[in-house]
Amino acid sequence: MVQFRNSVSDPERLSLEAALLWATLPGGVKQRAVNQAWCRNCRDRVALAPGWAGRVEAGKLLLEGSCPRCGSPITRIIDATTAEPPSS
């Protein structure tokens, strides 16, 4: 994992490929992806807890973290071709 202090908060980690995709996303998409993730356990939108990580799989950016309320794992998928997280 590579840390990019200018584009991501200190505790967040992105793979090199994920960091390159993250850098191309508009600020609003980044903000929504991190601050409006769906927790299946709480059944509510939450911000990813600090310490989330990102990687690329099948051309999609996956942000993996946990719910700050209950600690359940959360995965946020962003299609880099459309630069939009799926509505959930």
C-alpha atoms as a PDB file:
ATOM      1  CA  MET A   1       0.000   0.000   0.000  1.00  0.00           C
ATOM      2  CA  VAL A   2       1.074   3.533  -0.724  1.00  0.00           C
ATOM      3  CA  GLN A   3       0.067   6.546   1.347  1.00  0.00           C
ATOM      4  CA  PHE A   4      -0.614   9.857  -0.398  1.00  0.00           C
ATOM      5  CA  ARG A   5      -0.902  12.573   2.206  1.00  0.00           C
ATOM      6  CA  ASN A   6      -2.096  15.238  -0.256  1.00  0.00           C
ATOM      7  CA  SER A   7      -5.083  13.346  -1.612  1.00  0.00           C
ATOM      8  CA  VAL A   8      -6.185  11.174   1.284  1.00  0.00           C
ATOM      9  CA  SER A   9      -6.220  11.600   5.065  1.00  0.00           C
ATOM     10  CA  ASP A  10      -3.265  10.185   6.964  1.00  0.00           C
ATOM     11  CA  PRO A  11      -4.826   6.912   8.207  1.00  0.00           C
ATOM     12  CA  GLU A  12      -6.298   5.928   4.831  1.00  0.00           C
ATOM     13  CA  ARG A  13      -4.327   3.576   2.569  1.00  0.00           C
ATOM     14  CA  LEU A  14      -4.622   3.114  -1.180  1.00  0.00           C
ATOM     15  CA  SER A  15      -2.864   0.721  -3.517  1.00  0.00           C
ATOM     16  CA  LEU A  16      -0.898   2.487  -6.248  1.00  0.00           C
ATOM     17  CA  GLU A  17      -3.553   1.725  -8.871  1.00  0.00           C
ATOM     18  CA  ALA A  18      -6.311   2.904  -6.508  1.00  0.00           C
ATOM     19  CA  ALA A  19      -4.414   6.110  -5.730  1.00  0.00           C
ATOM     20  CA  LEU A  20      -4.147   6.889  -9.442  1.00  0.00           C
ATOM     21  CA  LEU A  21      -7.903   6.396  -9.919  1.00  0.00           C
ATOM     22  CA  TRP A  22      -8.692   8.342  -6.735  1.00  0.00           C
ATOM     23  CA  ALA A  23      -6.669  11.297  -8.016  1.00  0.00           C
ATOM     24  CA  THR A  24      -8.815  11.491 -11.178  1.00  0.00           C
ATOM     25  CA  LEU A  25     -12.142  11.629  -9.324  1.00  0.00           C
ATOM     26  CA  PRO A  26     -13.913  14.955  -8.774  1.00  0.00           C
ATOM     27  CA  GLY A  27     -13.928  16.176  -5.168  1.00  0.00           C
ATOM     28  CA  GLY A  28     -17.676  15.732  -4.784  1.00  0.00           C
ATOM     29  CA  VAL A  29     -17.501  12.070  -5.779  1.00  0.00           C
ATOM     30  CA  LYS A  30     -14.673  11.453  -3.300  1.00  0.00           C
ATOM     31  CA  GLN A  31     -16.578  13.167  -0.529  1.00  0.00           C
ATOM     32  CA  ARG A  32     -19.801  11.234  -1.203  1.00  0.00           C
ATOM     33  CA  ALA A  33     -17.954   7.921  -1.456  1.00  0.00           C
ATOM     34  CA  VAL A  34     -16.362   8.335   1.964  1.00  0.00           C
ATOM     35  CA  ASN A  35     -19.187  10.133   3.789  1.00  0.00           C
ATOM     36  CA  GLN A  36     -22.250   8.288   2.459  1.00  0.00           C
ATOM     37  CA  ALA A  37     -21.544   4.578   2.733  1.00  0.00           C
ATOM     38  CA  TRP A  38     -24.332   2.149   3.606  1.00  0.00           C
ATOM     39  CA  CYS A  39     -24.054   0.023   6.735  1.00  0.00           C
ATOM     40  CA  ARG A  40     -26.162  -3.113   6.431  1.00  0.00           C
ATOM     41  CA  ASN A  41     -26.136  -3.674  10.180  1.00  0.00           C
ATOM     42  CA  CYS A  42     -27.212  -0.138  11.195  1.00  0.00           C
ATOM     43  CA  ARG A  43     -29.419   0.207   8.088  1.00  0.00           C
ATOM     44  CA  ASP A  44     -28.262   3.773   7.627  1.00  0.00           C
ATOM     45  CA  ARG A  45     -25.800   5.902   5.704  1.00  0.00           C
ATOM     46  CA  VAL A  46     -22.583   6.507   7.594  1.00  0.00           C
ATOM     47  CA  ALA A  47     -19.127   7.923   6.949  1.00  0.00           C
ATOM     48  CA  LEU A  48     -16.401   5.291   6.667  1.00  0.00           C
ATOM     49  CA  ALA A  49     -14.473   5.069   9.931  1.00  0.00           C
ATOM     50  CA  PRO A  50     -10.868   6.340   9.785  1.00  0.00           C
ATOM     51  CA  GLY A  51      -8.450   3.724   8.550  1.00  0.00           C
ATOM     52  CA  TRP A  52     -10.300   2.699   5.379  1.00  0.00           C
ATOM     53  CA  ALA A  53      -8.290   1.316   2.461  1.00  0.00           C
ATOM     54  CA  GLY A  54      -8.733   1.309  -1.294  1.00  0.00           C
ATOM     55  CA  ARG A  55      -7.877  -1.089  -4.089  1.00  0.00           C
ATOM     56  CA  VAL A  56      -8.896  -1.695  -7.690  1.00  0.00           C
ATOM     57  CA  GLU A  57     -10.716  -4.811  -8.800  1.00  0.00           C
ATOM     58  CA  ALA A  58     -12.174  -5.389 -12.286  1.00  0.00           C
ATOM     59  CA  GLY A  59     -11.646  -1.714 -13.146  1.00  0.00           C
ATOM     60  CA  LYS A  60     -13.630  -0.511 -10.160  1.00  0.00           C
ATOM     61  CA  LEU A  61     -12.296   1.332  -7.126  1.00  0.00           C
ATOM     62  CA  LEU A  62     -13.215  -0.453  -3.889  1.00  0.00           C
ATOM     63  CA  LEU A  63     -13.077   1.454  -0.637  1.00  0.00           C
ATOM     64  CA  GLU A  64     -13.075  -0.948   2.297  1.00  0.00           C
ATOM     65  CA  GLY A  65     -13.591   0.164   5.851  1.00  0.00           C
ATOM     66  CA  SER A  66     -15.900  -0.181   8.781  1.00  0.00           C
ATOM     67  CA  CYS A  67     -18.940   1.470  10.274  1.00  0.00           C
ATOM     68  CA  PRO A  68     -18.011   3.998  12.965  1.00  0.00           C
ATOM     69  CA  ARG A  69     -21.111   3.017  14.993  1.00  0.00           C
ATOM     70  CA  CYS A  70     -21.137  -0.785  15.016  1.00  0.00           C
ATOM     71  CA  GLY A  71     -17.798  -1.753  13.436  1.00  0.00           C
ATOM     72  CA  SER A  72     -19.356  -3.830  10.631  1.00  0.00           C
ATOM     73  CA  PRO A  73     -17.297  -4.045   7.441  1.00  0.00           C
ATOM     74  CA  ILE A  74     -18.340  -1.707   4.617  1.00  0.00           C
ATOM     75  CA  THR A  75     -17.269  -1.820   0.975  1.00  0.00           C
ATOM     76  CA  ARG A  76     -17.980   1.179  -1.252  1.00  0.00           C
ATOM     77  CA  ILE A  77     -17.649   0.556  -5.019  1.00  0.00           C
ATOM     78  CA  ILE A  78     -16.894   3.374  -7.449  1.00  0.00           C
ATOM     79  CA  ASP A  79     -17.044   2.793 -11.198  1.00  0.00           C
ATOM     80  CA  ALA A  80     -14.082   4.825 -12.450  1.00  0.00           C
ATOM     81  CA  THR A  81     -15.500   4.989 -15.980  1.00  0.00           C
ATOM     82  CA  THR A  82     -18.503   6.963 -14.794  1.00  0.00           C
ATOM     83  CA  ALA A  83     -16.803   8.468 -11.707  1.00  0.00           C
ATOM     84  CA  GLU A  84     -19.955   7.881  -9.688  1.00  0.00           C
ATOM     85  CA  PRO A  85     -20.547   5.625  -6.710  1.00  0.00           C
ATOM     86  CA  PRO A  86     -23.666   3.518  -7.192  1.00  0.00           C
ATOM     87  CA  SER A  87     -26.700   4.977  -5.501  1.00  0.00           C
ATOM     88  CA  SER A  88     -27.548   2.974  -2.423  1.00  0.00           C
END
